[in-house]
């Protein structure tokens, strides 16, 4: 899975949780979840990916 490039990335930055969804070119996918941070949403995206 390390060698496949990410083809699709989705982010749902909600009020309570931030979700990320990555689909690689070989069809595999990874889902991440972290607590949202209203003061720095980029931190929540980083933590969920």
N, C-alpha and C. Protein backbone atom coordinates (compact mmCIF):
# COMPACT_ATOMS: atom_id res chain seq x y z
N UNK A 1 0.82 -1.19 0.00
CA UNK A 1 0.00 0.00 0.00
C UNK A 1 0.86 1.26 0.00
N UNK A 2 2.09 1.20 0.44
CA UNK A 2 2.96 2.37 0.48
C UNK A 2 3.25 2.93 -0.91
N UNK A 3 3.35 2.07 -1.91
CA UNK A 3 3.76 2.50 -3.24
C UNK A 3 2.64 3.10 -4.08
N UNK A 4 1.40 2.90 -3.70
CA UNK A 4 0.27 3.42 -4.48
C UNK A 4 0.06 4.89 -4.16
N UNK A 5 -0.15 5.70 -5.20
CA UNK A 5 -0.38 7.12 -5.00
C UNK A 5 -1.84 7.37 -4.64
N UNK A 6 -2.08 8.42 -3.85
CA UNK A 6 -3.44 8.81 -3.49
C UNK A 6 -4.09 9.47 -4.69
N UNK A 7 -5.28 9.00 -5.07
CA UNK A 7 -6.01 9.54 -6.21
C UNK A 7 -7.17 10.43 -5.76
N UNK A 8 -7.77 10.12 -4.62
CA UNK A 8 -8.91 10.88 -4.12
C UNK A 8 -8.69 11.13 -2.63
N UNK A 9 -8.97 12.36 -2.20
CA UNK A 9 -8.90 12.67 -0.78
C UNK A 9 -10.17 13.42 -0.43
N UNK A 10 -10.86 12.98 0.62
CA UNK A 10 -12.05 13.67 1.09
C UNK A 10 -11.85 14.09 2.53
N UNK A 11 -12.36 15.26 2.89
CA UNK A 11 -12.26 15.77 4.25
C UNK A 11 -13.64 16.24 4.68
N UNK A 12 -14.06 15.81 5.86
CA UNK A 12 -15.29 16.29 6.48
C UNK A 12 -14.89 16.93 7.80
N UNK A 13 -14.79 18.25 7.81
CA UNK A 13 -14.40 18.98 9.01
C UNK A 13 -15.67 19.42 9.73
N UNK A 14 -16.12 18.59 10.65
CA UNK A 14 -17.36 18.87 11.38
C UNK A 14 -17.10 19.58 12.69
N UNK A 15 -18.16 19.78 13.42
CA UNK A 15 -18.06 20.49 14.69
C UNK A 15 -17.41 19.68 15.79
N UNK A 16 -17.63 18.37 15.80
CA UNK A 16 -17.09 17.50 16.85
C UNK A 16 -15.90 16.69 16.37
N UNK A 17 -16.03 16.09 15.18
CA UNK A 17 -14.98 15.22 14.65
C UNK A 17 -14.59 15.67 13.23
N UNK A 18 -13.34 15.40 12.87
CA UNK A 18 -12.86 15.63 11.51
C UNK A 18 -12.51 14.27 10.92
N UNK A 19 -13.05 13.99 9.74
CA UNK A 19 -12.82 12.70 9.08
C UNK A 19 -12.04 12.94 7.79
N UNK A 20 -11.14 12.01 7.48
CA UNK A 20 -10.45 12.03 6.19
C UNK A 20 -10.62 10.67 5.53
N UNK A 21 -10.62 10.69 4.20
CA UNK A 21 -10.81 9.47 3.42
C UNK A 21 -9.88 9.55 2.22
N UNK A 22 -8.98 8.59 2.10
CA UNK A 22 -8.01 8.55 1.01
C UNK A 22 -8.24 7.29 0.19
N UNK A 23 -8.33 7.42 -1.12
CA UNK A 23 -8.43 6.27 -2.03
C UNK A 23 -7.17 6.27 -2.89
N UNK A 24 -6.48 5.14 -2.91
CA UNK A 24 -5.25 5.03 -3.68
C UNK A 24 -5.54 4.46 -5.06
N UNK A 25 -4.59 4.61 -5.97
CA UNK A 25 -4.80 4.20 -7.36
C UNK A 25 -5.04 2.70 -7.50
N UNK A 26 -4.63 1.90 -6.52
CA UNK A 26 -4.86 0.45 -6.59
C UNK A 26 -6.21 0.05 -5.99
N UNK A 27 -7.02 1.04 -5.55
CA UNK A 27 -8.35 0.78 -5.01
C UNK A 27 -8.41 0.65 -3.51
N UNK A 28 -7.27 0.55 -2.85
CA UNK A 28 -7.29 0.47 -1.39
C UNK A 28 -7.64 1.84 -0.82
N UNK A 29 -8.13 1.86 0.41
CA UNK A 29 -8.50 3.13 1.01
C UNK A 29 -8.17 3.14 2.50
N UNK A 30 -8.07 4.35 3.03
CA UNK A 30 -7.78 4.57 4.44
C UNK A 30 -8.75 5.62 4.94
N UNK A 31 -9.31 5.39 6.12
CA UNK A 31 -10.23 6.34 6.75
C UNK A 31 -9.61 6.77 8.07
N UNK A 32 -9.64 8.07 8.35
CA UNK A 32 -9.11 8.58 9.61
C UNK A 32 -10.14 9.44 10.31
N UNK A 33 -9.98 9.57 11.63
CA UNK A 33 -10.92 10.36 12.43
C UNK A 33 -10.15 10.98 13.59
N UNK A 34 -10.43 12.24 13.87
CA UNK A 34 -9.82 12.93 15.00
C UNK A 34 -10.79 13.98 15.52
N UNK A 35 -10.58 14.38 16.74
CA UNK A 35 -11.42 15.42 17.33
C UNK A 35 -11.14 16.74 16.61
N UNK A 36 -12.19 17.48 16.26
CA UNK A 36 -12.03 18.77 15.60
C UNK A 36 -11.40 19.78 16.54
N UNK A 37 -10.73 20.75 15.95
CA UNK A 37 -10.10 21.82 16.71
C UNK A 37 -10.51 23.14 16.06
N UNK A 38 -11.52 23.82 16.59
CA UNK A 38 -12.02 25.05 15.95
C UNK A 38 -10.97 26.15 15.84
N UNK A 39 -9.97 26.13 16.71
CA UNK A 39 -8.93 27.16 16.67
C UNK A 39 -7.89 26.90 15.59
N UNK A 40 -7.70 25.62 15.20
CA UNK A 40 -6.72 25.27 14.17
C UNK A 40 -7.19 23.99 13.47
N UNK A 41 -8.06 24.16 12.47
CA UNK A 41 -8.63 23.00 11.79
C UNK A 41 -7.57 22.18 11.07
N UNK A 42 -6.48 22.82 10.66
CA UNK A 42 -5.41 22.06 9.99
C UNK A 42 -4.82 21.00 10.91
N UNK A 43 -4.78 21.26 12.19
CA UNK A 43 -4.28 20.28 13.16
C UNK A 43 -5.20 19.06 13.21
N UNK A 44 -6.50 19.27 13.17
CA UNK A 44 -7.46 18.17 13.17
C UNK A 44 -7.33 17.34 11.89
N UNK A 45 -7.14 18.01 10.76
CA UNK A 45 -6.96 17.29 9.49
C UNK A 45 -5.68 16.47 9.55
N UNK A 46 -4.61 17.05 10.04
CA UNK A 46 -3.34 16.33 10.16
C UNK A 46 -3.49 15.11 11.07
N UNK A 47 -4.14 15.29 12.21
CA UNK A 47 -4.29 14.19 13.17
C UNK A 47 -5.19 13.08 12.65
N UNK A 48 -6.12 13.39 11.77
CA UNK A 48 -7.03 12.36 11.27
C UNK A 48 -6.48 11.63 10.05
N UNK A 49 -5.39 12.13 9.49
CA UNK A 49 -4.87 11.49 8.27
C UNK A 49 -3.71 10.57 8.51
